[in-house]
Amino acid sequence: MNESACRSVPPIVAIVGRPNVGKSTLFNRFAGSRRVLVEDTPGVTRDRIVEEVEACGRPVLLVDTAGLDPDAEAGLGQAVQAQAQAAMQEADAILFVVDGKGGLLPEDEAIARTLRRSQRPLLLAVNKIDVPAHRANTAEFHRLGLPLRAVSAEHGSGAWDALEALVGELPPASATVAVPRSEGEGPVRIALVGRPNVGKSSWLNRLLGSERVVVSDRPGTTRDTVDSRLETTAGEFVLVDTAGLRRPGRRDAVAERASAYLTMRALERADVALVVIDASEGFTDQDARVAGLARERGRAAAILANKWDLLDRDDPREARRVADEIERRLRFMADTPVLHVSARTGARGGRILPLARKLARAARTRIDTPALNAWLKDATARHEPAMAQKGGGRRRPVKFLYATQTGTAPPSFVLFCTAPDSIQKSYLRFLENRLRERFGLVGTPVRLVLRHRRGN
């Protein structure tokens, strides 16, 4: 692949609506029967808000906006409008879910007015139409003037038809935005992602203000955003804009859910994710979700533990405790580098861009086949896999025959063996760790796929 090669960005479909209309049930319906397999990364929280599925023969990223607030009814208007605005700004298409049993409510009409201004493909899913007799309940929703489908998230009827009708309104895959992807030493595309108010903008401004030699602003590949190109002694970089989300005046839960759109959009356009956390608050569940999203989307990543100066100044023992907590919470991606930084003082800021370049190189690593198979032979000889169970209670050793690399960013490999179904996840992790050690695959996801091949 050369410098001009591109990869397409899967479109984002947001599932929106007021609380308790069945958004999460519908999301889980799609995720549970997704028509394309995605990695189930061990240790990543299962409180999923993003899932890759296949609709109309193309990959699509579904974003669930449920769980805005346990006491959502107390501030429903503000919550649903924040949700609708986030979807309108960042999604490519919107699946608007309403409650067919509860009937049309003023809040539904308010959301519809907001979404109609988005100029995005939009479909109204009237949920809880569980039996044919309930179809009459859809009549009043035609007042919203939106394309309408009757669905039952609980039983699945009409659900996939609705999603594919919506995806069918998107531009064809060949016409969607593509971003550069290089295996060479071209510019590294960096996304600063994380929760609101952890210091992403501060680091963006500091990197641009103090590190730049040449900066040219030009329109990015997302709506109403601008990417910044800079050249430094560490090389060329493009900072992917993730601005746009502001938390003041909104509930934290609303902001965290809405940030999924921004995070996913930035990750799809980046080579490297710098996950910014507020070290003074520790490593939160939402920090783990963002880091997990970076890993799931195949992006090399590092953690920027911002505001570390506050910990060093107040209590060095607290700094040690937070460092241990980050290490413990990151066990599902233990290879990820962590930098203790401060946007306020600039502490250790000089390490960020060289680290990003190192991560990009690791993600673009291509291993020649003889070296790869020498590694496989050595690793399996040092620690043999458990024997495979055969018919009649007989057990036979599993033989690994050979390996081949199928892609980069992230590095992806197919390992051929005699009994892939008998290989335990723990052994696959062992192979992944040995592969990282041998070839310096630091901070990047590694994809290992097992294939059956009969031995001699």
Foldseek 3Di string as FASTA:
>chain_A
DAQQDWDFFAFEEEEAEFAPLCQVLLVCLCQVPAPDDFDDQPQFDPPDQWDWGAAPRDIYIYGGQPDLDPPCVVPVLQLRVLVLVLCLQFGQEYEYEGELVVADDVSSLVSLVSNVVSPHQYEYEHEPCPDVVSVVSCVVVCVSVHHYDYAYSVVGPRSSVRVNVSVVPGDDRVPGDIAGDRLDQDAFEEEEAEAPPLQSVLLVCCCVPPFFDDWDWDDDRGPPDIWIWGQGPLGIYIYGDLDDQDPPPGDSSSRLSSSVSSLSVSLSHGQEYEYGGALVVACDSSSSNSVVVNQSSFHQYAYEHEPLVVCVVPDVVSSVVSVVRVCVSCPSQNLHHYDDAYSVVGPPVVVPSNVSSLLSNLQSDADDFVVQFVLVVVLCVVPPFAWDQDPPRDTHGKDWDGKHWDGGSHTEMETEIACVVRGDPVVVVSSVVSVCVVPVNGRTHYHYHYDYDHDD
